[in-house]
Amino acid sequence: MRNEIAGLLTIIVTFICALVLQIIPLPAQFDVFRPDWVLACLVYWCIALPFRVNIVSAFVVGLLLDLLLGSILGVRSLTLSLVAYVAVINYTRMRNLSLWQQAIGIGLLTLLSKVIVFWIEYVLNGVHLPHGYFYSVVTTMIIWPWVYLFLRKLRRRFRLE
């Protein structure tokens, strides 16, 4: 029972850290390069523990991200739920790929997320595509190996299964 609580707290703390990294202020010229920390954390937990972290977890984290970013409520919940669905369905395939192949998959999932968020905001608010909107896809791919190795070390340290 104690390991279950420690495991749940570990997952929650990693999501809180990812949310903080997602909203930390950056200079305007670097803000377009901000990696999608929440998506990377979510995908890791979805492929590592697909029966613990799944679409419901993604929806809740997406709602929190919507609240923190002040965006339309439910936009990121929808996108993170779709990303979690794809990750959970393909978790055995993702586990068998090398880190760089996984990074390409993460890039595709990030691109899917960014396209859906833009499309919904375009339909609802008529926003235009900002310059450098997709730069974060590349930076999320670059940080993926370190996120993966760090979270795997945490998972092994706390014996999460």
C-alpha atoms as a PDB file:
ATOM      1  CA  MET A   1       0.000   0.000   0.000  1.00  0.00           C
ATOM      2  CA  ARG A   2       2.835   2.359   0.863  1.00  0.00           C
ATOM      3  CA  ASN A   3       4.536   1.741  -2.510  1.00  0.00           C
ATOM      4  CA  GLU A   4       1.258   2.501  -4.305  1.00  0.00           C
ATOM      5  CA  ILE A   5       0.964   5.878  -2.595  1.00  0.00           C
ATOM      6  CA  ALA A   6       4.634   6.674  -3.226  1.00  0.00           C
ATOM      7  CA  GLY A   7       4.191   5.715  -6.871  1.00  0.00           C
ATOM      8  CA  LEU A   8       1.125   7.884  -7.293  1.00  0.00           C
ATOM      9  CA  LEU A   9       2.853  10.819  -5.603  1.00  0.00           C
ATOM     10  CA  THR A  10       5.877  10.384  -7.855  1.00  0.00           C
ATOM     11  CA  ILE A  11       3.723  10.552 -10.974  1.00  0.00           C
ATOM     12  CA  ILE A  12       1.803  13.570  -9.661  1.00  0.00           C
ATOM     13  CA  VAL A  13       5.020  15.408  -8.747  1.00  0.00           C
ATOM     14  CA  THR A  14       6.469  14.803 -12.221  1.00  0.00           C
ATOM     15  CA  PHE A  15       3.315  16.247 -13.793  1.00  0.00           C
ATOM     16  CA  ILE A  16       3.464  19.271 -11.475  1.00  0.00           C
ATOM     17  CA  CYS A  17       7.116  19.843 -12.436  1.00  0.00           C
ATOM     18  CA  ALA A  18       6.196  19.549 -16.125  1.00  0.00           C
ATOM     19  CA  LEU A  19       3.368  22.063 -15.663  1.00  0.00           C
ATOM     20  CA  VAL A  20       5.732  24.486 -13.930  1.00  0.00           C
ATOM     21  CA  LEU A  21       8.305  24.105 -16.715  1.00  0.00           C
ATOM     22  CA  GLN A  22       5.540  24.710 -19.246  1.00  0.00           C
ATOM     23  CA  ILE A  23       4.535  28.067 -17.758  1.00  0.00           C
ATOM     24  CA  ILE A  24       7.900  29.382 -16.565  1.00  0.00           C
ATOM     25  CA  PRO A  25       8.526  32.803 -18.154  1.00  0.00           C
ATOM     26  CA  LEU A  26      11.062  32.926 -20.961  1.00  0.00           C
ATOM     27  CA  PRO A  27      12.307  35.840 -23.052  1.00  0.00           C
ATOM     28  CA  ALA A  28      10.111  36.450 -26.092  1.00  0.00           C
ATOM     29  CA  GLN A  29      12.750  35.340 -28.592  1.00  0.00           C
ATOM     30  CA  PHE A  30      13.150  31.977 -26.818  1.00  0.00           C
ATOM     31  CA  ASP A  31       9.497  31.332 -26.035  1.00  0.00           C
ATOM     32  CA  VAL A  32       8.823  29.814 -29.469  1.00  0.00           C
ATOM     33  CA  PHE A  33      11.456  27.167 -28.696  1.00  0.00           C
ATOM     34  CA  ARG A  34       9.825  26.062 -25.413  1.00  0.00           C
ATOM     35  CA  PRO A  35       9.540  22.258 -25.426  1.00  0.00           C
ATOM     36  CA  ASP A  36       6.214  20.675 -24.633  1.00  0.00           C
ATOM     37  CA  TRP A  37       7.209  19.341 -21.210  1.00  0.00           C
ATOM     38  CA  VAL A  38       3.730  18.155 -20.270  1.00  0.00           C
ATOM     39  CA  LEU A  39       3.342  16.137 -23.459  1.00  0.00           C
ATOM     40  CA  ALA A  40       6.774  14.528 -23.049  1.00  0.00           C
ATOM     41  CA  CYS A  41       6.036  13.599 -19.423  1.00  0.00           C
ATOM     42  CA  LEU A  42       2.599  12.286 -20.341  1.00  0.00           C
ATOM     43  CA  VAL A  43       3.887  10.140 -23.194  1.00  0.00           C
ATOM     44  CA  TYR A  44       6.602   8.665 -20.998  1.00  0.00           C
ATOM     45  CA  TRP A  45       4.141   7.609 -18.312  1.00  0.00           C
ATOM     46  CA  CYS A  46       1.693   6.320 -20.932  1.00  0.00           C
ATOM     47  CA  ILE A  47       4.292   4.019 -22.469  1.00  0.00           C
ATOM     48  CA  ALA A  48       5.873   3.045 -19.134  1.00  0.00           C
ATOM     49  CA  LEU A  49       2.693   2.489 -17.090  1.00  0.00           C
ATOM     50  CA  PRO A  50      -0.243   2.404 -19.531  1.00  0.00           C
ATOM     51  CA  PHE A  51      -2.666   0.990 -16.965  1.00  0.00           C
ATOM     52  CA  ARG A  52      -1.948   3.752 -14.435  1.00  0.00           C
ATOM     53  CA  VAL A  53      -1.535   6.798 -16.648  1.00  0.00           C
ATOM     54  CA  ASN A  54      -3.984   6.882 -19.519  1.00  0.00           C
ATOM     55  CA  ILE A  55      -6.584   9.049 -21.234  1.00  0.00           C
ATOM     56  CA  VAL A  56      -8.276  10.110 -17.988  1.00  0.00           C
ATOM     57  CA  SER A  57      -4.963  11.291 -16.551  1.00  0.00           C
ATOM     58  CA  ALA A  58      -4.248  13.166 -19.775  1.00  0.00           C
ATOM     59  CA  PHE A  59      -7.641  14.866 -19.625  1.00  0.00           C
ATOM     60  CA  VAL A  60      -7.080  16.056 -16.042  1.00  0.00           C
ATOM     61  CA  VAL A  61      -3.549  17.297 -16.781  1.00  0.00           C
ATOM     62  CA  GLY A  62      -4.883  19.015 -19.922  1.00  0.00           C
ATOM     63  CA  LEU A  63      -7.534  20.819 -17.877  1.00  0.00           C
ATOM     64  CA  LEU A  64      -4.856  22.009 -15.461  1.00  0.00           C
ATOM     65  CA  LEU A  65      -2.732  23.195 -18.385  1.00  0.00           C
ATOM     66  CA  ASP A  66      -5.709  25.046 -19.873  1.00  0.00           C
ATOM     67  CA  LEU A  67      -6.274  26.781 -16.543  1.00  0.00           C
ATOM     68  CA  LEU A  68      -2.610  27.711 -16.176  1.00  0.00           C
ATOM     69  CA  LEU A  69      -2.294  29.028 -19.726  1.00  0.00           C
ATOM     70  CA  GLY A  70      -5.635  30.837 -19.646  1.00  0.00           C
ATOM     71  CA  SER A  71      -6.744  29.250 -22.888  1.00  0.00           C
ATOM     72  CA  ILE A  72     -10.127  27.907 -23.896  1.00  0.00           C
ATOM     73  CA  LEU A  73     -11.052  25.242 -21.375  1.00  0.00           C
ATOM     74  CA  GLY A  74     -10.825  21.778 -22.889  1.00  0.00           C
ATOM     75  CA  VAL A  75      -8.558  22.453 -25.874  1.00  0.00           C
ATOM     76  CA  ARG A  76      -5.425  20.960 -24.390  1.00  0.00           C
ATOM     77  CA  SER A  77      -7.483  18.332 -22.598  1.00  0.00           C
ATOM     78  CA  LEU A  78      -8.694  17.123 -25.962  1.00  0.00           C
ATOM     79  CA  THR A  79      -5.246  17.167 -27.546  1.00  0.00           C
ATOM     80  CA  LEU A  80      -3.492  15.498 -24.624  1.00  0.00           C
ATOM     81  CA  SER A  81      -6.249  12.867 -24.500  1.00  0.00           C
ATOM     82  CA  LEU A  82      -5.710  12.101 -28.181  1.00  0.00           C
ATOM     83  CA  VAL A  83      -1.942  11.930 -27.691  1.00  0.00           C
ATOM     84  CA  ALA A  84      -2.384   9.646 -24.665  1.00  0.00           C
ATOM     85  CA  TYR A  85      -4.733   7.434 -26.682  1.00  0.00           C
ATOM     86  CA  VAL A  86      -2.145   7.032 -29.445  1.00  0.00           C
ATOM     87  CA  ALA A  87       0.631   6.418 -26.900  1.00  0.00           C
ATOM     88  CA  VAL A  88      -1.342   3.842 -24.894  1.00  0.00           C
ATOM     89  CA  ILE A  89      -2.474   1.986 -28.011  1.00  0.00           C
ATOM     90  CA  ASN A  90       1.125   1.803 -29.283  1.00  0.00           C
ATOM     91  CA  TYR A  91       2.988   1.464 -25.992  1.00  0.00           C
ATOM     92  CA  THR A  92       4.553  -1.915 -26.854  1.00  0.00           C
ATOM     93  CA  ARG A  93       5.829  -0.576 -30.167  1.00  0.00           C
ATOM     94  CA  MET A  94       7.175   2.588 -28.549  1.00  0.00           C
ATOM     95  CA  ARG A  95       9.026   0.600 -25.883  1.00  0.00           C
ATOM     96  CA  ASN A  96      10.875  -1.426 -28.512  1.00  0.00           C
ATOM     97  CA  LEU A  97      12.168   1.593 -30.421  1.00  0.00           C
ATOM     98  CA  SER A  98      15.522   3.223 -29.747  1.00  0.00           C
ATOM     99  CA  LEU A  99      15.552   6.613 -28.034  1.00  0.00           C
ATOM    100  CA  TRP A 100      16.078   8.490 -31.298  1.00  0.00           C
ATOM    101  CA  GLN A 101      13.249   6.614 -32.992  1.00  0.00           C
ATOM    102  CA  GLN A 102      11.061   7.395 -30.005  1.00  0.00           C
ATOM    103  CA  ALA A 103      12.090  11.048 -30.331  1.00  0.00           C
ATOM    104  CA  ILE A 104      10.778  11.064 -33.900  1.00  0.00           C
ATOM    105  CA  GLY A 105       7.511   9.556 -32.650  1.00  0.00           C
ATOM    106  CA  ILE A 106       7.339  12.206 -29.927  1.00  0.00           C
ATOM    107  CA  GLY A 107       7.904  14.835 -32.582  1.00  0.00           C
ATOM    108  CA  LEU A 108       4.982  13.498 -34.580  1.00  0.00           C
ATOM    109  CA  LEU A 109       2.761  13.448 -31.497  1.00  0.00           C
ATOM    110  CA  THR A 110       3.814  17.010 -30.643  1.00  0.00           C
ATOM    111  CA  LEU A 111       3.075  18.089 -34.204  1.00  0.00           C
ATOM    112  CA  LEU A 112      -0.365  16.465 -33.974  1.00  0.00           C
ATOM    113  CA  SER A 113      -1.019  18.296 -30.716  1.00  0.00           C
ATOM    114  CA  LYS A 114       0.108  21.665 -32.078  1.00  0.00           C
ATOM    115  CA  VAL A 115      -1.987  21.281 -35.247  1.00  0.00           C
ATOM    116  CA  ILE A 116      -5.124  20.398 -33.280  1.00  0.00           C
ATOM    117  CA  VAL A 117      -4.642  23.293 -30.832  1.00  0.00           C
ATOM    118  CA  PHE A 118      -4.086  25.721 -33.707  1.00  0.00           C
ATOM    119  CA  TRP A 119      -7.062  24.407 -35.660  1.00  0.00           C
ATOM    120  CA  ILE A 120      -9.428  24.729 -32.685  1.00  0.00           C
ATOM    121  CA  GLU A 121      -8.177  28.240 -31.862  1.00  0.00           C
ATOM    122  CA  TYR A 122      -8.458  29.213 -35.532  1.00  0.00           C
ATOM    123  CA  VAL A 123     -12.054  28.016 -35.718  1.00  0.00           C
ATOM    124  CA  LEU A 124     -13.077  29.632 -32.428  1.00  0.00           C
ATOM    125  CA  ASN A 125     -11.004  32.841 -32.419  1.00  0.00           C
ATOM    126  CA  GLY A 126      -9.745  33.279 -35.980  1.00  0.00           C
ATOM    127  CA  VAL A 127      -6.085  33.425 -34.922  1.00  0.00           C
ATOM    128  CA  HIS A 128      -3.340  33.357 -37.528  1.00  0.00           C
ATOM    129  CA  LEU A 129      -0.367  31.026 -37.520  1.00  0.00           C
ATOM    130  CA  PRO A 130       2.434  32.789 -35.604  1.00  0.00           C
ATOM    131  CA  HIS A 131       6.006  32.695 -36.861  1.00  0.00           C
ATOM    132  CA  GLY A 132       7.897  29.807 -35.274  1.00  0.00           C
ATOM    133  CA  TYR A 133       4.781  28.037 -33.987  1.00  0.00           C
ATOM    134  CA  PHE A 134       6.207  24.608 -34.803  1.00  0.00           C
ATOM    135  CA  TYR A 135       9.749  25.208 -33.473  1.00  0.00           C
ATOM    136  CA  SER A 136       8.779  23.563 -30.204  1.00  0.00           C
ATOM    137  CA  VAL A 137       8.289  20.277 -32.052  1.00  0.00           C
ATOM    138  CA  VAL A 138      12.033  20.124 -32.705  1.00  0.00           C
ATOM    139  CA  THR A 139      12.994  21.086 -29.156  1.00  0.00           C
ATOM    140  CA  THR A 140      10.607  18.494 -27.722  1.00  0.00           C
ATOM    141  CA  MET A 141      12.303  15.879 -29.893  1.00  0.00           C
ATOM    142  CA  ILE A 142      15.701  17.044 -28.651  1.00  0.00           C
ATOM    143  CA  ILE A 143      14.798  16.892 -24.940  1.00  0.00           C
ATOM    144  CA  TRP A 144      13.014  13.520 -25.205  1.00  0.00           C
ATOM    145  CA  PRO A 145      16.043  11.275 -24.492  1.00  0.00           C
ATOM    146  CA  TRP A 146      16.831  13.181 -21.279  1.00  0.00           C
ATOM    147  CA  VAL A 147      13.200  13.241 -20.150  1.00  0.00           C
ATOM    148  CA  TYR A 148      12.948   9.517 -20.858  1.00  0.00           C
ATOM    149  CA  LEU A 149      16.142   8.634 -18.980  1.00  0.00           C
ATOM    150  CA  PHE A 150      15.294  10.872 -16.001  1.00  0.00           C
ATOM    151  CA  LEU A 151      11.749   9.543 -15.615  1.00  0.00           C
ATOM    152  CA  ARG A 152      12.915   5.948 -16.090  1.00  0.00           C
ATOM    153  CA  LYS A 153      15.452   6.478 -13.304  1.00  0.00           C
ATOM    154  CA  LEU A 154      12.679   7.826 -11.069  1.00  0.00           C
ATOM    155  CA  ARG A 155      10.417   4.910 -11.941  1.00  0.00           C
ATOM    156  CA  ARG A 156      13.136   2.400 -11.088  1.00  0.00           C
ATOM    157  CA  ARG A 157      14.135   4.255  -7.934  1.00  0.00           C
ATOM    158  CA  PHE A 158      10.583   4.125  -6.564  1.00  0.00           C
ATOM    159  CA  ARG A 159       9.885   0.691  -8.097  1.00  0.00           C
ATOM    160  CA  LEU A 160       6.789   1.787  -9.988  1.00  0.00           C
ATOM    161  CA  GLU A 161       5.003  -0.948 -11.889  1.00  0.00           C
END
